[in-house]
Each structure stands twice: as structure tokens, then as C-alpha cells.
C-alpha atoms as a PDB file:
ATOM      1  CA  UNK A   1      64.686  -2.224  83.552  1.00  0.00           C
ATOM      2  CA  UNK A   2      66.499  -5.267  83.101  1.00  0.00           C
ATOM      3  CA  UNK A   3      66.796  -7.728  85.425  1.00  0.00           C
ATOM      4  CA  UNK A   4      70.235  -6.871  86.982  1.00  0.00           C
ATOM      5  CA  UNK A   5      68.786  -3.509  87.825  1.00  0.00           C
ATOM      6  CA  UNK A   6      65.688  -4.957  89.174  1.00  0.00           C
ATOM      7  CA  UNK A   7      67.892  -7.198  91.309  1.00  0.00           C
ATOM      8  CA  UNK A   8      69.886  -4.314  92.788  1.00  0.00           C
ATOM      9  CA  UNK A   9      66.654  -2.870  94.222  1.00  0.00           C
ATOM     10  CA  UNK A  10      64.990  -6.797  95.400  1.00  0.00           C
ATOM     11  CA  UNK A  11      68.379  -7.321  96.664  1.00  0.00           C
ATOM     12  CA  UNK A  12      68.026  -4.134  99.231  1.00  0.00           C
ATOM     13  CA  UNK A  13      64.479  -5.292  99.983  1.00  0.00           C
ATOM     14  CA  UNK A  14      65.423  -8.848 101.281  1.00  0.00           C
ATOM     15  CA  UNK A  15      68.542  -7.226 103.064  1.00  0.00           C
ATOM     16  CA  UNK A  16      66.217  -4.855 104.808  1.00  0.00           C
ATOM     17  CA  UNK A  17      63.558  -7.655 105.578  1.00  0.00           C
ATOM     18  CA  UNK A  18      66.873  -9.609 106.462  1.00  0.00           C
ATOM     19  CA  UNK A  19      68.253  -7.296 109.428  1.00  0.00           C
ATOM     20  CA  UNK A  20      64.761  -6.152 110.902  1.00  0.00           C
ATOM     21  CA  UNK A  21      63.989 -10.210 111.526  1.00  0.00           C
ATOM     22  CA  UNK A  22      67.020 -10.738 112.792  1.00  0.00           C
ATOM     23  CA  UNK A  23      66.571  -7.428 115.245  1.00  0.00           C
ATOM     24  CA  UNK A  24      62.791  -9.261 116.256  1.00  0.00           C
ATOM     25  CA  UNK A  25      64.744 -12.551 117.065  1.00  0.00           C
ATOM     26  CA  UNK A  26      67.385 -10.948 118.725  1.00  0.00           C
ATOM     27  CA  UNK A  27      65.531  -8.408 120.694  1.00  0.00           C
ATOM     28  CA  UNK A  28      63.115 -11.431 122.151  1.00  0.00           C
ATOM     29  CA  UNK A  29      66.283 -13.416 122.962  1.00  0.00           C
ATOM     30  CA  UNK A  30      68.491 -11.354 124.426  1.00  0.00           C
ATOM     31  CA  UNK A  31      66.817  -8.058 125.509  1.00  0.00           C
ATOM     32  CA  UNK A  32      62.932  -8.550 125.922  1.00  0.00           C
ATOM     33  CA  UNK A  33      62.087 -11.777 127.109  1.00  0.00           C
ATOM     34  CA  UNK A  34      58.619 -12.544 127.984  1.00  0.00           C
ATOM     35  CA  UNK A  35      57.695  -8.944 128.201  1.00  0.00           C
ATOM     36  CA  UNK A  36      54.256  -8.756 127.925  1.00  0.00           C
ATOM     37  CA  UNK A  37      52.632  -5.159 127.605  1.00  0.00           C
ATOM     38  CA  UNK A  38      50.479  -4.862 124.450  1.00  0.00           C
ATOM     39  CA  UNK A  39      52.191  -1.314 123.234  1.00  0.00           C
ATOM     40  CA  UNK A  40      55.188  -3.333 123.600  1.00  0.00           C
ATOM     41  CA  UNK A  41      54.476  -5.870 121.446  1.00  0.00           C
ATOM     42  CA  UNK A  42      52.924  -4.042 118.487  1.00  0.00           C
ATOM     43  CA  UNK A  43      56.428  -2.687 117.464  1.00  0.00           C
ATOM     44  CA  UNK A  44      57.354  -6.288 116.834  1.00  0.00           C
ATOM     45  CA  UNK A  45      53.835  -7.343 115.335  1.00  0.00           C
ATOM     46  CA  UNK A  46      54.963  -3.949 112.784  1.00  0.00           C
ATOM     47  CA  UNK A  47      58.195  -5.226 111.894  1.00  0.00           C
ATOM     48  CA  UNK A  48      56.628  -8.630 111.197  1.00  0.00           C
ATOM     49  CA  UNK A  49      54.213  -7.386 109.182  1.00  0.00           C
ATOM     50  CA  UNK A  50      56.492  -4.181 107.513  1.00  0.00           C
ATOM     51  CA  UNK A  51      59.171  -6.940 106.738  1.00  0.00           C
ATOM     52  CA  UNK A  52      56.955  -9.587 105.225  1.00  0.00           C
ATOM     53  CA  UNK A  53      55.627  -7.127 102.830  1.00  0.00           C
ATOM     54  CA  UNK A  54      59.350  -6.154 101.846  1.00  0.00           C
ATOM     55  CA  UNK A  55      59.981  -9.846 101.463  1.00  0.00           C
ATOM     56  CA  UNK A  56      57.263 -10.384  98.426  1.00  0.00           C
ATOM     57  CA  UNK A  57      57.810  -6.705  97.495  1.00  0.00           C
ATOM     58  CA  UNK A  58      61.105  -8.022  96.283  1.00  0.00           C
ATOM     59  CA  UNK A  59      59.441 -10.623  94.170  1.00  0.00           C
ATOM     60  CA  UNK A  60      56.956  -7.665  92.851  1.00  0.00           C
ATOM     61  CA  UNK A  61      60.068  -6.245  91.469  1.00  0.00           C
ATOM     62  CA  UNK A  62      62.198  -9.071  89.491  1.00  0.00           C
ATOM     63  CA  UNK A  63      58.794 -10.319  88.427  1.00  0.00           C
ATOM     64  CA  UNK A  64      57.401  -6.983  87.199  1.00  0.00           C
ATOM     65  CA  UNK A  65      58.085  -5.421  83.624  1.00  0.00           C
ATOM     66  CA  UNK A  66      59.485  -1.601  84.726  1.00  0.00           C
ATOM     67  CA  UNK A  67      60.386   1.199  81.676  1.00  0.00           C
ATOM     68  CA  UNK A  68      62.276   2.500  84.761  1.00  0.00           C
ATOM     69  CA  UNK A  69      62.977   3.344  88.508  1.00  0.00           C
ATOM     70  CA  UNK A  70      59.763   5.696  88.917  1.00  0.00           C
ATOM     71  CA  UNK A  71      57.693   3.159  87.193  1.00  0.00           C
ATOM     72  CA  UNK A  72      58.586   0.313  89.824  1.00  0.00           C
ATOM     73  CA  UNK A  73      58.016   3.105  92.543  1.00  0.00           C
ATOM     74  CA  UNK A  74      54.840   4.156  91.484  1.00  0.00           C
ATOM     75  CA  UNK A  75      53.849   0.545  91.379  1.00  0.00           C
ATOM     76  CA  UNK A  76      55.021  -0.191  94.424  1.00  0.00           C
ATOM     77  CA  UNK A  77      53.537   2.993  96.384  1.00  0.00           C
ATOM     78  CA  UNK A  78      50.480   1.703  94.518  1.00  0.00           C
ATOM     79  CA  UNK A  79      50.425  -1.291  96.297  1.00  0.00           C
ATOM     80  CA  UNK A  80      50.942   0.219  99.666  1.00  0.00           C
ATOM     81  CA  UNK A  81      50.673  -1.697 102.747  1.00  0.00           C
ATOM     82  CA  UNK A  82      48.119  -4.201 101.473  1.00  0.00           C
ATOM     83  CA  UNK A  83      49.332  -7.746 101.508  1.00  0.00           C
ATOM     84  CA  UNK A  84      46.273  -8.959  99.506  1.00  0.00           C
ATOM     85  CA  UNK A  85      47.087  -6.495  96.845  1.00  0.00           C
ATOM     86  CA  UNK A  86      50.585  -7.680  97.176  1.00  0.00           C
ATOM     87  CA  UNK A  87      49.157 -11.376  96.817  1.00  0.00           C
ATOM     88  CA  UNK A  88      46.939 -10.608  93.963  1.00  0.00           C
ATOM     89  CA  UNK A  89      50.145  -9.096  91.760  1.00  0.00           C
ATOM     90  CA  UNK A  90      52.205 -11.739  92.623  1.00  0.00           C
ATOM     91  CA  UNK A  91      49.543 -14.552  92.125  1.00  0.00           C
ATOM     92  CA  UNK A  92      49.493 -18.009  93.146  1.00  0.00           C
ATOM     93  CA  UNK A  93      52.111 -19.418  91.725  1.00  0.00           C
ATOM     94  CA  UNK A  94      54.794 -17.189  92.803  1.00  0.00           C
ATOM     95  CA  UNK A  95      53.478 -17.591  96.050  1.00  0.00           C
ATOM     96  CA  UNK A  96      53.850 -21.552  95.773  1.00  0.00           C
ATOM     97  CA  UNK A  97      57.164 -20.483  94.492  1.00  0.00           C
ATOM     98  CA  UNK A  98      57.969 -18.725  98.034  1.00  0.00           C
ATOM     99  CA  UNK A  99      56.593 -21.416  99.993  1.00  0.00           C
ATOM    100  CA  UNK A 100      53.275 -19.683 100.561  1.00  0.00           C
ATOM    101  CA  UNK A 101      50.521 -22.197 100.275  1.00  0.00           C
ATOM    102  CA  UNK A 102      48.048 -19.023 100.671  1.00  0.00           C
ATOM    103  CA  UNK A 103      46.768 -15.948 102.995  1.00  0.00           C
ATOM    104  CA  UNK A 104      43.615 -15.480 104.715  1.00  0.00           C
ATOM    105  CA  UNK A 105      42.580 -12.456 106.327  1.00  0.00           C
ATOM    106  CA  UNK A 106      42.348  -8.707 106.535  1.00  0.00           C
ATOM    107  CA  UNK A 107      43.012  -7.046 109.619  1.00  0.00           C
ATOM    108  CA  UNK A 108      45.068 -10.298 110.733  1.00  0.00           C
ATOM    109  CA  UNK A 109      46.477 -12.515 107.678  1.00  0.00           C
ATOM    110  CA  UNK A 110      47.205 -16.418 108.268  1.00  0.00           C
ATOM    111  CA  UNK A 111      50.029 -17.087 105.818  1.00  0.00           C
ATOM    112  CA  UNK A 112      49.949 -20.951 105.635  1.00  0.00           C
ATOM    113  CA  UNK A 113      53.093 -22.150 103.996  1.00  0.00           C
ATOM    114  CA  UNK A 114      53.546 -25.261 101.366  1.00  0.00           C
ATOM    115  CA  UNK A 115      54.688 -27.585 104.143  1.00  0.00           C
ATOM    116  CA  UNK A 116      51.607 -26.435 106.792  1.00  0.00           C
ATOM    117  CA  UNK A 117      53.246 -24.132 108.946  1.00  0.00           C
ATOM    118  CA  UNK A 118      51.407 -20.812 109.973  1.00  0.00           C
ATOM    119  CA  UNK A 119      52.523 -17.560 110.651  1.00  0.00           C
ATOM    120  CA  UNK A 120      50.326 -14.612 111.941  1.00  0.00           C
ATOM    121  CA  UNK A 121      50.826 -11.069 110.299  1.00  0.00           C
ATOM    122  CA  UNK A 122      48.779  -8.032 110.836  1.00  0.00           C
ATOM    123  CA  UNK A 123      47.846  -5.499 108.630  1.00  0.00           C
ATOM    124  CA  UNK A 124      50.517  -3.094 108.660  1.00  0.00           C
ATOM    125  CA  UNK A 125      47.841   0.030 108.848  1.00  0.00           C
ATOM    126  CA  UNK A 126      45.249  -1.661 111.312  1.00  0.00           C
ATOM    127  CA  UNK A 127      47.953  -2.471 114.291  1.00  0.00           C
ATOM    128  CA  UNK A 128      49.698   0.879 114.018  1.00  0.00           C
ATOM    129  CA  UNK A 129      45.914   2.531 114.823  1.00  0.00           C
ATOM    130  CA  UNK A 130      44.115  -0.468 116.485  1.00  0.00           C
ATOM    131  CA  UNK A 131      43.778   1.561 119.636  1.00  0.00           C
ATOM    132  CA  UNK A 132      41.523   4.082 118.009  1.00  0.00           C
ATOM    133  CA  UNK A 133      39.371   0.674 116.977  1.00  0.00           C
ATOM    134  CA  UNK A 134      39.458   0.242 120.776  1.00  0.00           C
ATOM    135  CA  UNK A 135      41.084  -3.562 119.439  1.00  0.00           C
ATOM    136  CA  UNK A 136      42.622  -5.435 122.578  1.00  0.00           C
ATOM    137  CA  UNK A 137      44.607  -8.387 121.874  1.00  0.00           C
ATOM    138  CA  UNK A 138      44.851 -11.063 124.254  1.00  0.00           C
ATOM    139  CA  UNK A 139      48.532 -11.784 125.097  1.00  0.00           C
ATOM    140  CA  UNK A 140      49.390 -14.813 127.264  1.00  0.00           C
ATOM    141  CA  UNK A 141      52.865 -16.183 128.335  1.00  0.00           C
ATOM    142  CA  UNK A 142      53.452 -17.882 124.872  1.00  0.00           C
ATOM    143  CA  UNK A 143      53.372 -14.821 122.612  1.00  0.00           C
ATOM    144  CA  UNK A 144      57.389 -14.401 122.454  1.00  0.00           C
ATOM    145  CA  UNK A 145      57.582 -18.020 121.440  1.00  0.00           C
ATOM    146  CA  UNK A 146      55.117 -17.426 118.850  1.00  0.00           C
ATOM    147  CA  UNK A 147      56.516 -14.454 117.603  1.00  0.00           C
ATOM    148  CA  UNK A 148      60.227 -16.077 117.527  1.00  0.00           C
ATOM    149  CA  UNK A 149      58.162 -19.300 115.487  1.00  0.00           C
ATOM    150  CA  UNK A 150      56.931 -16.863 112.966  1.00  0.00           C
ATOM    151  CA  UNK A 151      60.267 -14.679 112.645  1.00  0.00           C
ATOM    152  CA  UNK A 152      62.159 -18.011 112.344  1.00  0.00           C
ATOM    153  CA  UNK A 153      59.526 -19.297 109.579  1.00  0.00           C
ATOM    154  CA  UNK A 154      59.557 -16.010 107.613  1.00  0.00           C
ATOM    155  CA  UNK A 155      63.463 -16.034 107.840  1.00  0.00           C
ATOM    156  CA  UNK A 156      64.383 -19.449 107.230  1.00  0.00           C
ATOM    157  CA  UNK A 157      61.136 -20.329 104.453  1.00  0.00           C
ATOM    158  CA  UNK A 158      60.144 -17.603 103.179  1.00  0.00           C
ATOM    159  CA  UNK A 159      62.921 -15.227 103.003  1.00  0.00           C
ATOM    160  CA  UNK A 160      65.518 -17.555 101.944  1.00  0.00           C
ATOM    161  CA  UNK A 161      63.403 -18.816  98.731  1.00  0.00           C
ATOM    162  CA  UNK A 162      63.067 -14.743  98.021  1.00  0.00           C
ATOM    163  CA  UNK A 163      66.581 -14.423  97.853  1.00  0.00           C
ATOM    164  CA  UNK A 164      67.158 -17.698  96.011  1.00  0.00           C
ATOM    165  CA  UNK A 165      64.552 -16.685  93.476  1.00  0.00           C
ATOM    166  CA  UNK A 166      65.703 -12.992  93.194  1.00  0.00           C
ATOM    167  CA  UNK A 167      69.383 -14.339  92.649  1.00  0.00           C
ATOM    168  CA  UNK A 168      67.972 -16.836  89.922  1.00  0.00           C
ATOM    169  CA  UNK A 169      66.345 -14.568  88.633  1.00  0.00           C
ATOM    170  CA  UNK A 170      68.569 -11.936  87.897  1.00  0.00           C
ATOM    171  CA  UNK A 171      70.473 -13.720  85.209  1.00  0.00           C
ATOM    172  CA  UNK A 172      67.549 -14.109  83.250  1.00  0.00           C
END
């Protein structure tokens, strides 16, 4: 696959992530203000996790060497929803290019940006089935504000940088 072909797929990843993050932002701001129901908020945690994964995978597509679409799909499927595998695939230098200093954690990831902002992203598989592990999250009155801030950082800091990098790389 050449860079133009990879860009078409990477663009789809970032477009879906962009609309997903906008949905979270709009829903929290206009529709579901200050709801603190754990089951309800689980959907937002899943969306943040999924959209963060898509942002990172857009860069896997652009930086990878794939002979064809099937090879690309196989690679992405092997990475699954595992943020640590995706992090390893991209490497520290590429993450820094996305303004990500480091990713810590396993059940919940703490993403630290290069300007020391923090975003907490749930493990996509664990958040979907946390009730099977009897996990009860502590939710306070500031949960919406935290999710809004995490969404803003994902959109304005990380997604924007991924889009810029993808655009730049498509012509190389």
C-alpha cells in the first residue's frame, strides 16, 4: 500500500474518532448534564476508549508497511483493543509526536501529554464487563467535568496532532 492508500483508511479512523468525541462532548453539554448513573456513564467511558484507540490506530496505519488492505486489517485485528500493544507498536517517539508523553496502567490507562495534562481512559474490554468483576466505580459530582476535559484534550491535543501527522505523511 502506498501512503495515499493508507491515508484514506487513516482519515476514516480519525473522522470516526472526531465524530465520536463530538458526540460525547455534545451529549454531556446539552443532553445528559450531570447524570451520575454508573451504567449510563459506562457508555461514555467506552466511547472515550474506543475513540482513543482509533486515533492511535490511524497512526499505526500511516506508519506501518502493508502490502495490501488485508495485511493492514490483520495487523489492526491482532492489536485488538489493547492500548498497551498499540503503544508498543507505535513506540515512544511516535507517541511524543502525538503529544503523548506516556501511557500507564492496564485496567485504566493514564495518558500523560507532553504538556503534563492527564486523561484517563478505561480498558475497552474491562469497562464493558466490569460488572462481572464486581467493579463499582466511585462517581462524584465532578465526573462530567472530568469527562468533558478528557474529551477536550483528546480532541484538541492528540486527535488534532494525529490528523496533522497523517496529512503530512500522506505525501511522503
